[in-house]
N, C-alpha and C. Protein backbone atom coordinates (compact mmCIF):
# COMPACT_ATOMS: atom_id res chain seq x y z
N MET A 1 111.48 93.33 -92.24
CA MET A 1 111.04 92.86 -90.84
C MET A 1 109.75 91.90 -91.07
N SER A 2 109.80 91.17 -89.70
CA SER A 2 108.87 89.85 -89.99
C SER A 2 107.89 90.26 -88.74
N ARG A 3 106.39 90.05 -89.01
CA ARG A 3 105.38 90.17 -88.16
C ARG A 3 104.37 88.97 -87.85
N ILE A 4 104.02 89.28 -86.56
CA ILE A 4 103.16 88.16 -85.99
C ILE A 4 101.83 87.94 -86.75
N VAL A 5 101.74 86.79 -87.61
CA VAL A 5 100.39 86.75 -88.39
C VAL A 5 99.36 85.82 -87.79
N HIS A 6 99.63 84.92 -86.78
CA HIS A 6 98.76 84.15 -86.43
C HIS A 6 98.86 83.84 -84.92
N PHE A 7 98.03 83.31 -84.10
CA PHE A 7 98.39 82.92 -82.89
C PHE A 7 97.42 81.46 -82.63
N GLU A 8 98.03 80.68 -81.96
CA GLU A 8 97.48 79.26 -81.59
C GLU A 8 97.31 79.18 -80.08
N ILE A 9 96.18 78.78 -79.79
CA ILE A 9 95.73 78.38 -78.26
C ILE A 9 95.89 76.84 -78.06
N HIS A 10 97.06 76.44 -77.32
CA HIS A 10 96.99 74.87 -77.19
C HIS A 10 96.19 74.69 -76.06
N ALA A 11 95.35 74.10 -75.97
CA ALA A 11 94.36 73.86 -75.05
C ALA A 11 94.26 72.48 -74.68
N VAL A 12 94.24 72.46 -73.09
CA VAL A 12 94.24 70.84 -72.50
C VAL A 12 93.01 70.18 -72.70
N ASP A 13 91.64 71.13 -72.63
CA ASP A 13 90.46 70.59 -72.93
C ASP A 13 89.75 71.60 -74.10
N ALA A 14 89.97 71.08 -75.34
CA ALA A 14 89.57 72.02 -76.63
C ALA A 14 88.19 72.77 -76.28
N ALA A 15 87.16 71.59 -75.99
CA ALA A 15 85.72 72.01 -76.06
C ALA A 15 85.45 72.93 -75.11
N ARG A 16 86.10 72.85 -74.00
CA ARG A 16 85.86 73.99 -72.80
C ARG A 16 86.47 75.44 -73.41
N GLU A 17 87.58 75.28 -73.76
CA GLU A 17 88.13 76.33 -74.20
C GLU A 17 87.49 77.25 -75.36
N ILE A 18 86.98 76.40 -76.54
CA ILE A 18 86.20 76.98 -77.40
C ILE A 18 84.82 77.46 -76.83
N ALA A 19 84.03 76.65 -76.23
CA ALA A 19 82.95 77.29 -75.30
C ALA A 19 83.24 78.67 -74.61
N PHE A 20 84.37 78.99 -74.02
CA PHE A 20 84.76 80.12 -73.35
C PHE A 20 85.13 81.05 -74.05
N TYR A 21 85.98 81.02 -75.10
CA TYR A 21 86.09 82.13 -76.15
C TYR A 21 84.89 82.39 -76.94
N GLU A 22 84.22 81.76 -77.13
CA GLU A 22 82.75 82.07 -77.87
C GLU A 22 81.88 82.54 -76.94
N ASP A 23 81.75 82.28 -75.75
CA ASP A 23 81.01 83.16 -74.92
C ASP A 23 81.58 84.61 -74.35
N VAL A 24 82.84 84.57 -74.15
CA VAL A 24 83.07 85.71 -73.60
C VAL A 24 83.48 86.81 -74.68
N PHE A 25 84.15 86.36 -75.98
CA PHE A 25 84.57 87.15 -76.76
C PHE A 25 83.81 87.35 -78.12
N GLY A 26 82.94 86.24 -78.27
CA GLY A 26 82.12 86.06 -79.66
C GLY A 26 82.65 85.53 -80.80
N TRP A 27 84.06 85.03 -80.54
CA TRP A 27 84.88 84.55 -81.36
C TRP A 27 84.06 83.19 -82.23
N THR A 28 84.38 83.24 -83.23
CA THR A 28 83.83 81.87 -83.85
C THR A 28 85.10 80.75 -84.29
N PHE A 29 85.00 79.43 -84.39
CA PHE A 29 85.61 78.29 -84.47
C PHE A 29 85.16 77.46 -85.51
N GLN A 30 86.11 77.12 -86.51
CA GLN A 30 85.65 76.38 -87.78
C GLN A 30 86.86 75.19 -87.61
N PRO A 31 86.00 73.92 -87.72
CA PRO A 31 87.10 72.93 -87.87
C PRO A 31 87.89 72.96 -89.02
N TRP A 32 89.26 72.38 -88.87
CA TRP A 32 89.94 72.53 -90.10
C TRP A 32 90.62 71.13 -90.10
N GLY A 33 90.57 70.42 -91.18
CA GLY A 33 90.98 68.94 -91.32
C GLY A 33 92.63 68.89 -92.15
N GLY A 34 93.33 70.00 -91.93
CA GLY A 34 94.61 70.08 -92.76
C GLY A 34 95.74 69.39 -92.36
N GLY A 35 95.70 69.02 -90.87
CA GLY A 35 96.83 68.47 -90.01
C GLY A 35 96.38 67.09 -89.91
N GLU A 36 97.60 66.52 -88.78
CA GLU A 36 97.57 65.38 -88.14
C GLU A 36 96.32 65.28 -87.04
N GLN A 37 96.32 66.07 -86.53
CA GLN A 37 95.31 66.35 -85.14
C GLN A 37 94.13 67.37 -85.40
N ALA A 38 93.33 67.37 -84.31
CA ALA A 38 92.44 68.04 -84.17
C ALA A 38 92.93 69.56 -84.45
N TYR A 39 92.15 70.47 -85.03
CA TYR A 39 92.51 71.97 -85.35
C TYR A 39 91.52 72.68 -85.65
N TRP A 40 91.31 73.84 -85.01
CA TRP A 40 90.11 74.73 -85.38
C TRP A 40 90.66 76.22 -85.53
N LEU A 41 90.21 76.46 -86.56
CA LEU A 41 90.30 77.91 -87.22
C LEU A 41 89.74 79.12 -86.29
N VAL A 42 90.22 80.07 -85.81
CA VAL A 42 89.50 81.04 -84.83
C VAL A 42 89.31 82.38 -85.60
N THR A 43 88.25 82.85 -85.83
CA THR A 43 88.00 84.24 -86.37
C THR A 43 87.78 85.09 -85.00
N THR A 44 88.57 86.22 -85.00
CA THR A 44 88.18 87.12 -83.88
C THR A 44 87.65 88.21 -84.10
N GLY A 45 87.46 88.49 -85.41
CA GLY A 45 86.66 89.63 -86.06
C GLY A 45 86.89 89.76 -87.48
N ALA A 46 85.89 90.91 -88.00
CA ALA A 46 85.66 91.10 -89.41
C ALA A 46 86.99 91.31 -90.10
N ASP A 47 86.90 90.79 -91.34
CA ASP A 47 88.04 90.94 -92.07
C ASP A 47 88.26 92.75 -92.26
N GLY A 48 89.55 93.14 -92.75
CA GLY A 48 89.87 94.65 -92.72
C GLY A 48 89.54 95.22 -91.54
N THR A 49 89.68 94.89 -90.30
CA THR A 49 89.63 95.41 -89.08
C THR A 49 90.83 94.98 -88.53
N PRO A 50 91.50 95.89 -87.49
CA PRO A 50 92.72 95.58 -86.84
C PRO A 50 92.65 94.11 -86.05
N GLY A 51 93.79 93.74 -86.02
CA GLY A 51 94.05 92.30 -85.36
C GLY A 51 94.32 91.08 -86.11
N ILE A 52 94.49 89.90 -85.61
CA ILE A 52 94.64 88.63 -86.41
C ILE A 52 93.98 87.54 -85.73
N ASN A 53 93.66 86.67 -86.90
CA ASN A 53 93.08 85.44 -86.37
C ASN A 53 93.88 84.14 -86.40
N GLY A 54 93.30 83.26 -85.70
CA GLY A 54 94.19 82.08 -85.30
C GLY A 54 93.70 80.81 -85.12
N GLY A 55 94.37 80.04 -84.21
CA GLY A 55 93.95 78.49 -84.31
C GLY A 55 93.92 78.21 -82.86
N LEU A 56 93.30 76.89 -82.82
CA LEU A 56 93.10 76.09 -81.49
C LEU A 56 93.34 74.92 -81.81
N MET A 57 94.26 73.98 -80.81
CA MET A 57 94.58 72.68 -81.06
C MET A 57 94.73 72.05 -79.56
N PRO A 58 94.46 70.78 -79.54
CA PRO A 58 95.05 70.22 -78.09
C PRO A 58 96.38 70.28 -78.12
N SER A 59 96.74 70.37 -76.66
CA SER A 59 98.12 70.69 -76.36
C SER A 59 98.65 69.54 -76.67
N ARG A 60 100.05 69.36 -76.95
CA ARG A 60 100.54 68.19 -77.29
C ARG A 60 101.52 67.83 -76.29
N ASP A 61 101.62 68.47 -75.32
CA ASP A 61 102.29 67.91 -73.87
C ASP A 61 101.53 68.28 -72.72
N GLY A 62 100.22 68.57 -72.84
CA GLY A 62 99.23 68.80 -71.54
C GLY A 62 99.26 70.19 -71.03
N GLN A 63 100.35 70.95 -71.44
CA GLN A 63 100.48 72.46 -71.00
C GLN A 63 99.59 73.39 -71.86
N PRO A 64 98.86 74.38 -71.21
CA PRO A 64 98.17 75.32 -71.83
C PRO A 64 99.13 76.51 -72.39
N ARG A 65 98.93 77.03 -73.36
CA ARG A 65 99.65 78.24 -73.82
C ARG A 65 99.24 78.95 -75.21
N THR A 66 99.81 79.91 -75.30
CA THR A 66 99.48 80.66 -76.36
C THR A 66 100.60 80.88 -77.24
N VAL A 67 100.73 80.52 -78.62
CA VAL A 67 101.84 80.51 -79.22
C VAL A 67 101.57 81.74 -80.46
N ASN A 68 102.59 82.54 -80.53
CA ASN A 68 102.65 83.58 -81.70
C ASN A 68 103.41 83.15 -82.71
N THR A 69 102.86 83.18 -83.91
CA THR A 69 103.79 82.88 -85.19
C THR A 69 104.13 83.70 -85.94
N VAL A 70 105.22 83.92 -86.56
CA VAL A 70 105.81 85.10 -87.23
C VAL A 70 106.01 84.55 -88.68
N GLU A 71 105.57 85.54 -89.62
CA GLU A 71 105.83 85.33 -91.07
C GLU A 71 107.07 85.46 -91.43
N VAL A 72 107.70 84.69 -92.15
CA VAL A 72 109.24 84.67 -92.70
C VAL A 72 109.33 84.55 -94.00
N ASP A 73 110.57 84.71 -94.81
CA ASP A 73 110.53 84.40 -96.11
C ASP A 73 111.08 83.19 -96.25
N SER A 74 111.65 82.28 -95.50
CA SER A 74 112.08 81.08 -95.57
C SER A 74 112.20 80.34 -94.21
N VAL A 75 111.25 79.37 -93.90
CA VAL A 75 111.46 78.92 -92.49
C VAL A 75 112.78 78.22 -92.39
N ALA A 76 113.19 77.45 -93.27
CA ALA A 76 114.69 76.74 -93.35
C ALA A 76 115.77 78.06 -93.17
N ALA A 77 115.44 79.14 -93.50
CA ALA A 77 116.64 80.35 -93.16
C ALA A 77 116.59 80.71 -91.92
N TYR A 78 115.43 80.83 -91.48
CA TYR A 78 115.03 81.54 -90.16
C TYR A 78 115.46 80.35 -88.83
N VAL A 79 115.27 78.97 -89.48
CA VAL A 79 115.70 77.96 -88.45
C VAL A 79 117.45 78.36 -87.82
N GLU A 80 117.92 78.65 -89.01
CA GLU A 80 119.47 78.83 -88.98
C GLU A 80 119.52 79.91 -88.21
N ARG A 81 118.98 80.97 -88.45
CA ARG A 81 119.06 82.21 -87.71
C ARG A 81 118.54 81.86 -86.38
N VAL A 82 117.73 81.36 -85.87
CA VAL A 82 117.12 81.33 -84.71
C VAL A 82 118.39 80.60 -83.91
N VAL A 83 118.80 79.39 -84.38
CA VAL A 83 119.94 78.63 -83.68
C VAL A 83 121.08 79.39 -83.66
N ALA A 84 121.45 80.26 -84.49
CA ALA A 84 122.62 81.12 -84.49
C ALA A 84 122.53 82.27 -83.51
N GLY A 85 121.42 82.38 -83.19
CA GLY A 85 121.02 83.64 -82.28
C GLY A 85 120.97 83.21 -80.91
N GLY A 86 120.92 81.86 -80.55
CA GLY A 86 120.97 81.19 -79.15
C GLY A 86 119.60 80.42 -78.89
N GLY A 87 118.51 80.45 -79.86
CA GLY A 87 117.38 79.70 -79.58
C GLY A 87 117.55 78.25 -79.76
N GLU A 88 116.49 77.61 -79.94
CA GLU A 88 116.34 76.20 -80.42
C GLU A 88 115.24 75.87 -81.11
N VAL A 89 115.18 74.80 -81.94
CA VAL A 89 114.00 74.50 -82.79
C VAL A 89 113.59 73.42 -81.88
N VAL A 90 112.14 73.42 -81.49
CA VAL A 90 111.65 72.19 -80.69
C VAL A 90 110.51 71.38 -81.45
N VAL A 91 110.08 71.79 -82.53
CA VAL A 91 109.46 71.11 -83.45
C VAL A 91 109.96 71.45 -84.72
N PRO A 92 110.48 70.47 -85.43
CA PRO A 92 111.05 70.71 -86.76
C PRO A 92 110.30 71.15 -87.81
N THR A 93 110.71 71.73 -88.84
CA THR A 93 109.87 72.32 -89.97
C THR A 93 108.91 71.13 -90.65
N MET A 94 107.68 71.49 -90.80
CA MET A 94 106.47 70.54 -91.36
C MET A 94 105.95 71.23 -92.19
N ALA A 95 105.34 70.52 -93.28
CA ALA A 95 104.21 71.24 -94.14
C ALA A 95 102.69 71.15 -93.47
N VAL A 96 102.38 72.18 -93.93
CA VAL A 96 100.85 72.42 -93.93
C VAL A 96 100.33 72.60 -95.10
N PRO A 97 99.64 71.35 -95.43
CA PRO A 97 99.14 70.98 -96.69
C PRO A 97 98.30 72.16 -97.56
N GLY A 98 98.87 72.54 -98.70
CA GLY A 98 98.39 73.68 -99.33
C GLY A 98 98.18 74.92 -98.88
N VAL A 99 99.25 75.17 -97.67
CA VAL A 99 99.27 76.39 -96.80
C VAL A 99 100.66 76.86 -96.91
N GLY A 100 101.73 76.02 -96.45
CA GLY A 100 103.09 76.55 -96.13
C GLY A 100 103.80 75.52 -95.39
N TYR A 101 104.82 76.00 -94.69
CA TYR A 101 105.75 75.38 -93.68
C TYR A 101 105.81 76.02 -92.43
N VAL A 102 106.02 75.46 -91.48
CA VAL A 102 106.05 75.88 -89.94
C VAL A 102 106.95 75.12 -89.22
N ALA A 103 107.64 75.67 -88.48
CA ALA A 103 108.42 75.19 -87.44
C ALA A 103 108.33 76.10 -86.14
N TYR A 104 108.36 75.29 -84.99
CA TYR A 104 108.23 75.70 -83.50
C TYR A 104 109.74 75.96 -82.85
N CYS A 105 110.02 77.04 -82.23
CA CYS A 105 111.31 77.26 -81.80
C CYS A 105 110.81 77.88 -80.07
N LYS A 106 112.11 77.91 -79.55
CA LYS A 106 112.10 78.72 -78.43
C LYS A 106 113.21 79.80 -78.46
N ASP A 107 112.77 81.05 -77.75
CA ASP A 107 114.06 81.92 -77.70
C ASP A 107 115.01 81.80 -76.60
N PRO A 108 116.21 82.44 -76.57
CA PRO A 108 116.80 81.67 -75.24
C PRO A 108 116.26 81.94 -73.86
N GLY A 109 115.19 82.63 -73.64
CA GLY A 109 114.67 82.66 -72.35
C GLY A 109 113.45 81.43 -72.33
N GLY A 110 113.47 80.83 -73.21
CA GLY A 110 112.38 79.67 -73.09
C GLY A 110 111.03 79.94 -73.73
N GLY A 111 110.85 81.12 -74.21
CA GLY A 111 109.45 81.68 -74.87
C GLY A 111 109.32 80.83 -76.00
N LEU A 112 108.14 80.01 -76.35
CA LEU A 112 107.80 79.25 -77.72
C LEU A 112 107.26 80.09 -78.53
N PHE A 113 107.52 79.98 -79.89
CA PHE A 113 107.04 80.42 -80.89
C PHE A 113 107.37 80.07 -82.16
N GLY A 114 106.34 80.38 -83.26
CA GLY A 114 106.47 79.58 -84.55
C GLY A 114 106.91 80.48 -85.48
N ILE A 115 107.22 79.89 -86.70
CA ILE A 115 107.99 80.60 -87.82
C ILE A 115 107.15 80.04 -89.04
N PHE A 116 106.85 80.73 -90.00
CA PHE A 116 105.98 80.28 -90.72
C PHE A 116 106.23 80.89 -92.55
N HIS A 117 106.23 80.21 -93.30
CA HIS A 117 106.15 80.74 -94.75
C HIS A 117 105.21 80.15 -95.72
N THR A 118 104.55 81.07 -96.73
CA THR A 118 103.45 80.65 -97.32
C THR A 118 103.96 79.59 -98.39
N ASP A 119 103.42 78.57 -99.02
CA ASP A 119 103.66 77.83 -100.22
C ASP A 119 102.67 76.98 -100.39
N ALA A 120 101.80 77.11 -101.33
CA ALA A 120 100.57 76.51 -101.75
C ALA A 120 100.90 74.93 -102.32
N THR A 121 102.14 75.04 -102.59
CA THR A 121 102.52 73.36 -102.90
C THR A 121 102.92 72.67 -101.90
N ALA A 122 102.90 73.05 -100.64
CA ALA A 122 103.40 72.35 -99.33
C ALA A 122 102.38 71.30 -99.06
N ALA A 123 103.20 69.95 -99.00
CA ALA A 123 102.32 68.83 -99.04
C ALA A 123 103.04 67.95 -97.70
């Protein structure tokens, strides 16, 4: 069974959204330079407490959304399963350097989600 391990907020105005979540929920944001565009790691609570942390990035298409990412054994294998199940890949598999691989997909109803597997050698 695969679980949601990360969320991403795709923000139209990243600075505004960061200020909002810091003020309302007390979340902390740390810039992360591991990708091709601006990205912030979001800490939503103390380690060892229920819940997950996530990220915030500028929306690539100008639409605000939250995307849940599911950890899988192999992104390549799950890309095949997504397509066979009637979904589609909307952002092909890409490396997150030193972290792993991720792809973004849509379910048959149009819901966007990520699939990810850890690989410290990803480049």
